[in-house]
């Protein structure tokens, strides 16, 4: 694989990650994990949530997305006391996705 092909694949990967966050909220983890495993970037045994936590925190620090935790008695009962986290792209994140897609 040459440098141009590798760069194109990385760009497509990040565009896909941003697209999944836009479409799927918290369900991002398994979709992104499957994509990374399918490309041979990470092993299948990697925990999707713990691996992506740092990626999402980095994207949030860059201003590309924002997170919001929601915790209600119903959610707590279903998720063992853990809140549900929703992610949304910011205007900057949407622009980054457009640039990566072009």
PDB file of N, CA and C in Angstrom:
ATOM      1  N   UNK A   1       0.851  -1.170   0.000  1.00  0.00           N
ATOM      2  CA  UNK A   1       0.000   0.000   0.000  1.00  0.00           C
ATOM      3  C   UNK A   1       0.899   1.236   0.000  1.00  0.00           C
ATOM      4  N   UNK A   2       0.613   2.169  -0.894  1.00  0.00           N
ATOM      5  CA  UNK A   2       1.425   3.378  -0.940  1.00  0.00           C
ATOM      6  C   UNK A   2       0.842   4.462  -0.036  1.00  0.00           C
ATOM      7  N   UNK A   3       1.567   5.548   0.091  1.00  0.00           N
ATOM      8  CA  UNK A   3       1.191   6.633   0.996  1.00  0.00           C
ATOM      9  C   UNK A   3      -0.157   7.247   0.616  1.00  0.00           C
ATOM     10  N   UNK A   4      -0.397   7.441  -0.674  1.00  0.00           N
ATOM     11  CA  UNK A   4      -1.651   8.051  -1.131  1.00  0.00           C
ATOM     12  C   UNK A   4      -2.837   7.155  -0.801  1.00  0.00           C
ATOM     13  N   UNK A   5      -2.702   5.866  -1.064  1.00  0.00           N
ATOM     14  CA  UNK A   5      -3.784   4.924  -0.767  1.00  0.00           C
ATOM     15  C   UNK A   5      -4.047   4.867   0.733  1.00  0.00           C
ATOM     16  N   UNK A   6      -2.990   4.823   1.525  1.00  0.00           N
ATOM     17  CA  UNK A   6      -3.144   4.786   2.984  1.00  0.00           C
ATOM     18  C   UNK A   6      -3.833   6.052   3.478  1.00  0.00           C
ATOM     19  N   UNK A   7      -3.439   7.195   2.948  1.00  0.00           N
ATOM     20  CA  UNK A   7      -4.062   8.458   3.340  1.00  0.00           C
ATOM     21  C   UNK A   7      -5.534   8.504   2.977  1.00  0.00           C
ATOM     22  N   UNK A   8      -5.870   8.007   1.801  1.00  0.00           N
ATOM     23  CA  UNK A   8      -7.268   7.980   1.355  1.00  0.00           C
ATOM     24  C   UNK A   8      -8.091   7.069   2.260  1.00  0.00           C
ATOM     25  N   UNK A   9      -7.547   5.909   2.613  1.00  0.00           N
ATOM     26  CA  UNK A   9      -8.274   4.986   3.482  1.00  0.00           C
ATOM     27  C   UNK A   9      -8.489   5.586   4.870  1.00  0.00           C
ATOM     28  N   UNK A  10      -7.481   6.275   5.391  1.00  0.00           N
ATOM     29  CA  UNK A  10      -7.614   6.915   6.700  1.00  0.00           C
ATOM     30  C   UNK A  10      -8.670   8.016   6.650  1.00  0.00           C
ATOM     31  N   UNK A  11      -8.667   8.797   5.586  1.00  0.00           N
ATOM     32  CA  UNK A  11      -9.665   9.857   5.419  1.00  0.00           C
ATOM     33  C   UNK A  11     -11.067   9.269   5.358  1.00  0.00           C
ATOM     34  N   UNK A  12     -11.242   8.192   4.597  1.00  0.00           N
ATOM     35  CA  UNK A  12     -12.548   7.542   4.503  1.00  0.00           C
ATOM     36  C   UNK A  12     -12.976   6.981   5.852  1.00  0.00           C
ATOM     37  N   UNK A  13     -12.022   6.459   6.607  1.00  0.00           N
ATOM     38  CA  UNK A  13     -12.313   5.914   7.927  1.00  0.00           C
ATOM     39  C   UNK A  13     -12.862   7.000   8.843  1.00  0.00           C
ATOM     40  N   UNK A  14     -12.175   8.148   8.912  1.00  0.00           N
ATOM     41  CA  UNK A  14     -12.628   9.229   9.794  1.00  0.00           C
ATOM     42  C   UNK A  14     -13.953   9.810   9.328  1.00  0.00           C
ATOM     43  N   UNK A  15     -14.148   9.912   8.032  1.00  0.00           N
ATOM     44  CA  UNK A  15     -15.427  10.378   7.500  1.00  0.00           C
ATOM     45  C   UNK A  15     -16.533   9.421   7.936  1.00  0.00           C
ATOM     46  N   UNK A  16     -16.255   8.131   7.883  1.00  0.00           N
ATOM     47  CA  UNK A  16     -17.222   7.132   8.321  1.00  0.00           C
ATOM     48  C   UNK A  16     -17.516   7.214   9.805  1.00  0.00           C
ATOM     49  N   UNK A  17     -16.481   7.404  10.615  1.00  0.00           N
ATOM     50  CA  UNK A  17     -16.677   7.535  12.063  1.00  0.00           C
ATOM     51  C   UNK A  17     -17.577   8.726  12.363  1.00  0.00           C
ATOM     52  N   UNK A  18     -17.290   9.866  11.747  1.00  0.00           N
ATOM     53  CA  UNK A  18     -18.117  11.051  11.976  1.00  0.00           C
ATOM     54  C   UNK A  18     -19.543  10.825  11.484  1.00  0.00           C
ATOM     55  N   UNK A  19     -19.692  10.095  10.386  1.00  0.00           N
ATOM     56  CA  UNK A  19     -21.025   9.791   9.877  1.00  0.00           C
ATOM     57  C   UNK A  19     -21.816   8.898  10.808  1.00  0.00           C
ATOM     58  N   UNK A  20     -21.157   7.911  11.392  1.00  0.00           N
ATOM     59  CA  UNK A  20     -21.836   7.007  12.326  1.00  0.00           C
ATOM     60  C   UNK A  20     -22.280   7.770  13.559  1.00  0.00           C
ATOM     61  N   UNK A  21     -21.430   8.654  14.068  1.00  0.00           N
ATOM     62  CA  UNK A  21     -21.804   9.451  15.239  1.00  0.00           C
ATOM     63  C   UNK A  21     -23.031  10.293  14.916  1.00  0.00           C
ATOM     64  N   UNK A  22     -23.064  10.855  13.723  1.00  0.00           N
ATOM     65  CA  UNK A  22     -24.193  11.682  13.309  1.00  0.00           C
ATOM     66  C   UNK A  22     -25.480  10.873  13.247  1.00  0.00           C
ATOM     67  N   UNK A  23     -25.412   9.661  12.751  1.00  0.00           N
ATOM     68  CA  UNK A  23     -26.604   8.855  12.513  1.00  0.00           C
ATOM     69  C   UNK A  23     -27.050   8.039  13.716  1.00  0.00           C
ATOM     70  N   UNK A  24     -26.108   7.647  14.569  1.00  0.00           N
ATOM     71  CA  UNK A  24     -26.408   6.564  15.497  1.00  0.00           C
ATOM     72  C   UNK A  24     -26.265   6.908  16.974  1.00  0.00           C
ATOM     73  N   UNK A  25     -25.918   8.147  17.330  1.00  0.00           N
ATOM     74  CA  UNK A  25     -25.801   8.484  18.745  1.00  0.00           C
ATOM     75  C   UNK A  25     -24.910   7.517  19.494  1.00  0.00           C
ATOM     76  N   UNK A  26     -25.416   6.943  20.577  1.00  0.00           N
ATOM     77  CA  UNK A  26     -24.597   6.061  21.398  1.00  0.00           C
ATOM     78  C   UNK A  26     -24.356   4.706  20.753  1.00  0.00           C
ATOM     79  N   UNK A  27     -25.134   4.336  19.780  1.00  0.00           N
ATOM     80  CA  UNK A  27     -24.941   3.059  19.103  1.00  0.00           C
ATOM     81  C   UNK A  27     -23.691   3.032  18.253  1.00  0.00           C
ATOM     82  N   UNK A  28     -22.932   4.124  18.267  1.00  0.00           N
ATOM     83  CA  UNK A  28     -21.700   4.264  17.482  1.00  0.00           C
ATOM     84  C   UNK A  28     -20.721   3.138  17.745  1.00  0.00           C
ATOM     85  N   UNK A  29     -20.613   2.695  18.981  1.00  0.00           N
ATOM     86  CA  UNK A  29     -19.526   1.816  19.389  1.00  0.00           C
ATOM     87  C   UNK A  29     -19.365   0.566  18.556  1.00  0.00           C
ATOM     88  N   UNK A  30     -20.423  -0.191  18.416  1.00  0.00           N
ATOM     89  CA  UNK A  30     -20.313  -1.453  17.685  1.00  0.00           C
ATOM     90  C   UNK A  30     -20.105  -1.227  16.196  1.00  0.00           C
ATOM     91  N   UNK A  31     -20.762  -0.228  15.631  1.00  0.00           N
ATOM     92  CA  UNK A  31     -20.595   0.053  14.198  1.00  0.00           C
ATOM     93  C   UNK A  31     -19.162   0.446  13.873  1.00  0.00           C
ATOM     94  N   UNK A  32     -18.611   1.355  14.658  1.00  0.00           N
ATOM     95  CA  UNK A  32     -17.243   1.812  14.419  1.00  0.00           C
ATOM     96  C   UNK A  32     -16.263   0.679  14.698  1.00  0.00           C
ATOM     97  N   UNK A  33     -16.494  -0.054  15.790  1.00  0.00           N
ATOM     98  CA  UNK A  33     -15.628  -1.177  16.143  1.00  0.00           C
ATOM     99  C   UNK A  33     -15.581  -2.192  15.010  1.00  0.00           C
ATOM    100  N   UNK A  34     -16.750  -2.531  14.461  1.00  0.00           N
ATOM    101  CA  UNK A  34     -16.791  -3.501  13.362  1.00  0.00           C
ATOM    102  C   UNK A  34     -16.021  -2.996  12.149  1.00  0.00           C
ATOM    103  N   UNK A  35     -16.120  -1.701  11.865  1.00  0.00           N
ATOM    104  CA  UNK A  35     -15.380  -1.126  10.744  1.00  0.00           C
ATOM    105  C   UNK A  35     -13.879  -1.175  10.951  1.00  0.00           C
ATOM    106  N   UNK A  36     -13.429  -0.882  12.170  1.00  0.00           N
ATOM    107  CA  UNK A  36     -11.992  -0.918  12.473  1.00  0.00           C
ATOM    108  C   UNK A  36     -11.464  -2.348  12.445  1.00  0.00           C
ATOM    109  N   UNK A  37     -12.256  -3.287  12.961  1.00  0.00           N
ATOM    110  CA  UNK A  37     -11.862  -4.698  12.927  1.00  0.00           C
ATOM    111  C   UNK A  37     -11.801  -5.178  11.482  1.00  0.00           C
ATOM    112  N   UNK A  38     -12.812  -4.825  10.700  1.00  0.00           N
ATOM    113  CA  UNK A  38     -12.866  -5.243   9.301  1.00  0.00           C
ATOM    114  C   UNK A  38     -11.682  -4.748   8.479  1.00  0.00           C
ATOM    115  N   UNK A  39     -11.139  -3.601   8.846  1.00  0.00           N
ATOM    116  CA  UNK A  39      -9.978  -3.048   8.145  1.00  0.00           C
ATOM    117  C   UNK A  39      -8.654  -3.545   8.735  1.00  0.00           C
ATOM    118  N   UNK A  40      -8.742  -4.373   9.775  1.00  0.00           N
ATOM    119  CA  UNK A  40      -7.531  -4.908  10.384  1.00  0.00           C
ATOM    120  C   UNK A  40      -6.769  -3.899  11.225  1.00  0.00           C
ATOM    121  N   UNK A  41      -7.439  -2.818  11.652  1.00  0.00           N
ATOM    122  CA  UNK A  41      -6.770  -1.771  12.429  1.00  0.00           C
ATOM    123  C   UNK A  41      -6.670  -2.160  13.898  1.00  0.00           C
ATOM    124  N   UNK A  42      -7.704  -2.813  14.406  1.00  0.00           N
ATOM    125  CA  UNK A  42      -7.690  -3.291  15.790  1.00  0.00           C
ATOM    126  C   UNK A  42      -8.163  -4.742  15.807  1.00  0.00           C
ATOM    127  N   UNK A  43      -7.756  -5.513  16.830  1.00  0.00           N
ATOM    128  CA  UNK A  43      -8.221  -6.896  16.919  1.00  0.00           C
ATOM    129  C   UNK A  43      -9.687  -6.960  17.358  1.00  0.00           C
ATOM    130  N   UNK A  44     -10.360  -8.024  16.962  1.00  0.00           N
ATOM    131  CA  UNK A  44     -11.774  -8.209  17.298  1.00  0.00           C
ATOM    132  C   UNK A  44     -11.997  -8.233  18.811  1.00  0.00           C
ATOM    133  N   UNK A  45     -11.012  -8.663  19.570  1.00  0.00           N
ATOM    134  CA  UNK A  45     -11.154  -8.780  21.023  1.00  0.00           C
ATOM    135  C   UNK A  45     -11.157  -7.431  21.742  1.00  0.00           C
ATOM    136  N   UNK A  46     -10.851  -6.346  21.040  1.00  0.00           N
ATOM    137  CA  UNK A  46     -10.818  -5.021  21.659  1.00  0.00           C
ATOM    138  C   UNK A  46     -12.224  -4.613  22.092  1.00  0.00           C
ATOM    139  N   UNK A  47     -12.348  -4.108  23.319  1.00  0.00           N
ATOM    140  CA  UNK A  47     -13.639  -3.646  23.825  1.00  0.00           C
ATOM    141  C   UNK A  47     -14.024  -2.351  23.113  1.00  0.00           C
ATOM    142  N   UNK A  48     -15.150  -2.339  22.388  1.00  0.00           N
ATOM    143  CA  UNK A  48     -15.516  -1.155  21.605  1.00  0.00           C
ATOM    144  C   UNK A  48     -15.659   0.107  22.439  1.00  0.00           C
ATOM    145  N   UNK A  49     -16.307   0.019  23.574  1.00  0.00           N
ATOM    146  CA  UNK A  49     -16.554   1.218  24.370  1.00  0.00           C
ATOM    147  C   UNK A  49     -15.273   1.807  24.939  1.00  0.00           C
ATOM    148  N   UNK A  50     -14.415   0.979  25.504  1.00  0.00           N
ATOM    149  CA  UNK A  50     -13.197   1.525  26.107  1.00  0.00           C
ATOM    150  C   UNK A  50     -12.241   2.058  25.051  1.00  0.00           C
ATOM    151  N   UNK A  51     -12.154   1.391  23.890  1.00  0.00           N
ATOM    152  CA  UNK A  51     -11.265   1.863  22.827  1.00  0.00           C
ATOM    153  C   UNK A  51     -11.728   3.210  22.289  1.00  0.00           C
ATOM    154  N   UNK A  52     -13.030   3.332  22.049  1.00  0.00           N
ATOM    155  CA  UNK A  52     -13.551   4.542  21.426  1.00  0.00           C
ATOM    156  C   UNK A  52     -13.704   5.705  22.389  1.00  0.00           C
ATOM    157  N   UNK A  53     -13.684   5.436  23.694  1.00  0.00           N
ATOM    158  CA  UNK A  53     -13.827   6.516  24.665  1.00  0.00           C
ATOM    159  C   UNK A  53     -12.768   7.591  24.441  1.00  0.00           C
ATOM    160  N   UNK A  54     -11.506   7.183  24.277  1.00  0.00           N
ATOM    161  CA  UNK A  54     -10.437   8.157  24.056  1.00  0.00           C
ATOM    162  C   UNK A  54     -10.599   8.886  22.728  1.00  0.00           C
ATOM    163  N   UNK A  55     -11.041   8.178  21.697  1.00  0.00           N
ATOM    164  CA  UNK A  55     -11.263   8.812  20.390  1.00  0.00           C
ATOM    165  C   UNK A  55     -12.346   9.876  20.506  1.00  0.00           C
ATOM    166  N   UNK A  56     -13.441   9.536  21.147  1.00  0.00           N
ATOM    167  CA  UNK A  56     -14.547  10.485  21.287  1.00  0.00           C
ATOM    168  C   UNK A  56     -14.165  11.665  22.164  1.00  0.00           C
ATOM    169  N   UNK A  57     -13.401  11.396  23.216  1.00  0.00           N
ATOM    170  CA  UNK A  57     -12.934  12.487  24.081  1.00  0.00           C
ATOM    171  C   UNK A  57     -12.038  13.441  23.301  1.00  0.00           C
ATOM    172  N   UNK A  58     -11.190  12.895  22.416  1.00  0.00           N
ATOM    173  CA  UNK A  58     -10.332  13.722  21.579  1.00  0.00           C
ATOM    174  C   UNK A  58     -11.163  14.558  20.605  1.00  0.00           C
ATOM    175  N   UNK A  59     -12.148  13.944  19.966  1.00  0.00           N
ATOM    176  CA  UNK A  59     -13.008  14.689  19.040  1.00  0.00           C
ATOM    177  C   UNK A  59     -13.770  15.793  19.765  1.00  0.00           C
ATOM    178  N   UNK A  60     -14.178  15.517  20.995  1.00  0.00           N
ATOM    179  CA  UNK A  60     -14.875  16.538  21.778  1.00  0.00           C
ATOM    180  C   UNK A  60     -13.922  17.676  22.144  1.00  0.00           C
ATOM    181  N   UNK A  61     -12.682  17.341  22.497  1.00  0.00           N
ATOM    182  CA  UNK A  61     -11.687  18.371  22.822  1.00  0.00           C
ATOM    183  C   UNK A  61     -11.380  19.255  21.610  1.00  0.00           C
ATOM    184  N   UNK A  62     -11.451  18.684  20.418  1.00  0.00           N
ATOM    185  CA  UNK A  62     -11.220  19.452  19.190  1.00  0.00           C
ATOM    186  C   UNK A  62     -12.431  20.296  18.806  1.00  0.00           C
ATOM    187  N   UNK A  63     -13.549  20.080  19.493  1.00  0.00           N
ATOM    188  CA  UNK A  63     -14.756  20.827  19.178  1.00  0.00           C
ATOM    189  C   UNK A  63     -15.565  20.233  18.041  1.00  0.00           C
ATOM    190  N   UNK A  64     -15.291  18.968  17.683  1.00  0.00           N
ATOM    191  CA  UNK A  64     -15.996  18.325  16.575  1.00  0.00           C
ATOM    192  C   UNK A  64     -17.315  17.707  17.010  1.00  0.00           C
ATOM    193  N   UNK A  65     -17.460  17.419  18.291  1.00  0.00           N
ATOM    194  CA  UNK A  65     -18.717  16.868  18.778  1.00  0.00           C
ATOM    195  C   UNK A  65     -18.936  17.275  20.216  1.00  0.00           C
ATOM    196  N   UNK A  66     -20.165  17.119  20.657  1.00  0.00           N
ATOM    197  CA  UNK A  66     -20.519  17.358  22.053  1.00  0.00           C
ATOM    198  C   UNK A  66     -21.230  16.115  22.568  1.00  0.00           C
ATOM    199  N   UNK A  67     -21.104  15.885  23.863  1.00  0.00           N
ATOM    200  CA  UNK A  67     -21.781  14.737  24.467  1.00  0.00           C
ATOM    201  C   UNK A  67     -22.785  15.230  25.494  1.00  0.00           C
ATOM    202  N   UNK A  68     -23.774  14.389  25.729  1.00  0.00           N
ATOM    203  CA  UNK A  68     -24.800  14.708  26.713  1.00  0.00           C
ATOM    204  C   UNK A  68     -25.183  13.409  27.400  1.00  0.00           C
ATOM    205  N   UNK A  69     -25.107  13.410  28.727  1.00  0.00           N
ATOM    206  CA  UNK A  69     -25.492  12.229  29.497  1.00  0.00           C
ATOM    207  C   UNK A  69     -26.947  12.352  29.924  1.00  0.00           C
ATOM    208  N   UNK A  70     -27.666  11.256  29.814  1.00  0.00           N
ATOM    209  CA  UNK A  70     -29.054  11.212  30.247  1.00  0.00           C
ATOM    210  C   UNK A  70     -29.183  10.041  31.214  1.00  0.00           C
ATOM    211  N   UNK A  71     -29.691  10.336  32.410  1.00  0.00           N
ATOM    212  CA  UNK A  71     -29.891   9.278  33.389  1.00  0.00           C
ATOM    213  C   UNK A  71     -31.264   9.456  34.017  1.00  0.00           C
ATOM    214  N   UNK A  72     -32.073   8.462  33.867  1.00  0.00           N
ATOM    215  CA  UNK A  72     -33.392   8.427  34.490  1.00  0.00           C
ATOM    216  C   UNK A  72     -33.490   7.092  35.220  1.00  0.00           C
ATOM    217  N   UNK A  73     -34.484   6.930  36.087  1.00  0.00           N
ATOM    218  CA  UNK A  73     -34.624   5.633  36.761  1.00  0.00           C
ATOM    219  C   UNK A  73     -34.754   4.466  35.773  1.00  0.00           C
ATOM    220  N   UNK A  74     -35.459   4.693  34.652  1.00  0.00           N
ATOM    221  CA  UNK A  74     -35.639   3.635  33.653  1.00  0.00           C
ATOM    222  C   UNK A  74     -34.312   3.271  32.988  1.00  0.00           C
ATOM    223  N   UNK A  75     -33.551   4.302  32.618  1.00  0.00           N
ATOM    224  CA  UNK A  75     -32.248   4.067  31.983  1.00  0.00           C
ATOM    225  C   UNK A  75     -31.306   3.386  32.964  1.00  0.00           C
ATOM    226  N   UNK A  76     -31.304   3.856  34.206  1.00  0.00           N
ATOM    227  CA  UNK A  76     -30.438   3.258  35.226  1.00  0.00           C
ATOM    228  C   UNK A  76     -30.749   1.778  35.404  1.00  0.00           C
ATOM    229  N   UNK A  77     -32.025   1.431  35.386  1.00  0.00           N
ATOM    230  CA  UNK A  77     -32.418   0.029  35.554  1.00  0.00           C
ATOM    231  C   UNK A  77     -31.951  -0.820  34.378  1.00  0.00           C
ATOM    232  N   UNK A  78     -32.038  -0.281  33.180  1.00  0.00           N
ATOM    233  CA  UNK A  78     -31.647  -1.030  31.983  1.00  0.00           C
ATOM    234  C   UNK A  78     -30.138  -1.126  31.810  1.00  0.00           C
ATOM    235  N   UNK A  79     -29.406  -0.131  32.295  1.00  0.00           N
ATOM    236  CA  UNK A  79     -27.975  -0.040  32.016  1.00  0.00           C
ATOM    237  C   UNK A  79     -27.110  -0.220  33.266  1.00  0.00           C
ATOM    238  N   UNK A  80     -27.645  -0.821  34.290  1.00  0.00           N
ATOM    239  CA  UNK A  80     -26.854  -1.075  35.487  1.00  0.00           C
ATOM    240  C   UNK A  80     -26.370   0.198  36.168  1.00  0.00           C
ATOM    241  N   UNK A  81     -27.190   1.239  36.138  1.00  0.00           N
ATOM    242  CA  UNK A  81     -26.836   2.492  36.798  1.00  0.00           C
ATOM    243  C   UNK A  81     -26.025   3.454  35.946  1.00  0.00           C
ATOM    244  N   UNK A  82     -25.620   3.014  34.751  1.00  0.00           N
ATOM    245  CA  UNK A  82     -24.823   3.893  33.877  1.00  0.00           C
ATOM    246  C   UNK A  82     -25.732   4.813  33.073  1.00  0.00           C
ATOM    247  N   UNK A  83     -25.314   6.051  32.863  1.00  0.00           N
ATOM    248  CA  UNK A  83     -26.125   6.948  32.035  1.00  0.00           C
ATOM    249  C   UNK A  83     -26.009   6.582  30.561  1.00  0.00           C
ATOM    250  N   UNK A  84     -26.956   7.011  29.785  1.00  0.00           N
ATOM    251  CA  UNK A  84     -26.879   6.885  28.328  1.00  0.00           C
ATOM    252  C   UNK A  84     -26.202   8.154  27.824  1.00  0.00           C
ATOM    253  N   UNK A  85     -25.242   8.006  26.934  1.00  0.00           N
ATOM    254  CA  UNK A  85     -24.500   9.154  26.423  1.00  0.00           C
ATOM    255  C   UNK A  85     -24.853   9.348  24.957  1.00  0.00           C
ATOM    256  N   UNK A  86     -25.251  10.556  24.631  1.00  0.00           N
ATOM    257  CA  UNK A  86     -25.575  10.904  23.250  1.00  0.00           C
ATOM    258  C   UNK A  86     -24.481  11.814  22.717  1.00  0.00           C
ATOM    259  N   UNK A  87     -24.075  11.583  21.484  1.00  0.00           N
ATOM    260  CA  UNK A  87     -23.057  12.401  20.828  1.00  0.00           C
ATOM    261  C   UNK A  87     -23.672  13.080  19.620  1.00  0.00           C
ATOM    262  N   UNK A  88     -23.310  14.330  19.429  1.00  0.00           N
ATOM    263  CA  UNK A  88     -23.795  15.099  18.293  1.00  0.00           C
ATOM    264  C   UNK A  88     -22.635  15.872  17.701  1.00  0.00           C
ATOM    265  N   UNK A  89     -22.549  15.885  16.382  1.00  0.00           N
ATOM    266  CA  UNK A  89     -21.515  16.685  15.734  1.00  0.00           C
ATOM    267  C   UNK A  89     -21.831  18.162  15.891  1.00  0.00           C
ATOM    268  N   UNK A  90     -20.801  18.949  16.113  1.00  0.00           N
ATOM    269  CA  UNK A  90     -20.938  20.401  16.123  1.00  0.00           C
ATOM    270  C   UNK A  90     -20.857  20.895  14.681  1.00  0.00           C
ATOM    271  N   UNK A  91     -21.013  22.188  14.487  1.00  0.00           N
ATOM    272  CA  UNK A  91     -20.845  22.752  13.140  1.00  0.00           C
ATOM    273  C   UNK A  91     -19.448  22.452  12.614  1.00  0.00           C
ATOM    274  N   UNK A  92     -18.453  22.544  13.483  1.00  0.00           N
ATOM    275  CA  UNK A  92     -17.077  22.239  13.089  1.00  0.00           C
ATOM    276  C   UNK A  92     -16.941  20.777  12.687  1.00  0.00           C
ATOM    277  N   UNK A  93     -17.578  19.882  13.437  1.00  0.00           N
ATOM    278  CA  UNK A  93     -17.545  18.459  13.106  1.00  0.00           C
ATOM    279  C   UNK A  93     -18.227  18.156  11.785  1.00  0.00           C
ATOM    280  N   UNK A  94     -19.350  18.823  11.527  1.00  0.00           N
ATOM    281  CA  UNK A  94     -20.039  18.630  10.246  1.00  0.00           C
ATOM    282  C   UNK A  94     -19.176  19.133   9.095  1.00  0.00           C
ATOM    283  N   UNK A  95     -18.514  20.272   9.301  1.00  0.00           N
ATOM    284  CA  UNK A  95     -17.617  20.804   8.273  1.00  0.00           C
ATOM    285  C   UNK A  95     -16.451  19.844   8.037  1.00  0.00           C
ATOM    286  N   UNK A  96     -15.885  19.310   9.118  1.00  0.00           N
ATOM    287  CA  UNK A  96     -14.781  18.349   8.984  1.00  0.00           C
ATOM    288  C   UNK A  96     -15.235  17.135   8.182  1.00  0.00           C
ATOM    289  N   UNK A  97     -16.431  16.662   8.450  1.00  0.00           N
ATOM    290  CA  UNK A  97     -16.953  15.507   7.708  1.00  0.00           C
ATOM    291  C   UNK A  97     -17.121  15.840   6.229  1.00  0.00           C
ATOM    292  N   UNK A  98     -17.626  17.026   5.924  1.00  0.00           N
ATOM    293  CA  UNK A  98     -17.781  17.436   4.521  1.00  0.00           C
ATOM    294  C   UNK A  98     -16.431  17.504   3.820  1.00  0.00           C
ATOM    295  N   UNK A  99     -15.443  18.076   4.510  1.00  0.00           N
ATOM    296  CA  UNK A  99     -14.102  18.190   3.926  1.00  0.00           C
ATOM    297  C   UNK A  99     -13.515  16.802   3.682  1.00  0.00           C
ATOM    298  N   UNK A 100     -13.656  15.913   4.659  1.00  0.00           N
ATOM    299  CA  UNK A 100     -13.126  14.557   4.512  1.00  0.00           C
ATOM    300  C   UNK A 100     -13.829  13.795   3.395  1.00  0.00           C
ATOM    301  N   UNK A 101     -15.111  14.069   3.196  1.00  0.00           N
ATOM    302  CA  UNK A 101     -15.878  13.355   2.180  1.00  0.00           C
ATOM    303  C   UNK A 101     -15.573  13.837   0.765  1.00  0.00           C
ATOM    304  N   UNK A 102     -14.998  15.027   0.654  1.00  0.00           N
ATOM    305  CA  UNK A 102     -14.755  15.561  -0.704  1.00  0.00           C
ATOM    306  C   UNK A 102     -13.411  15.144  -1.264  1.00  0.00           C
TER     307      UNK A 102
END
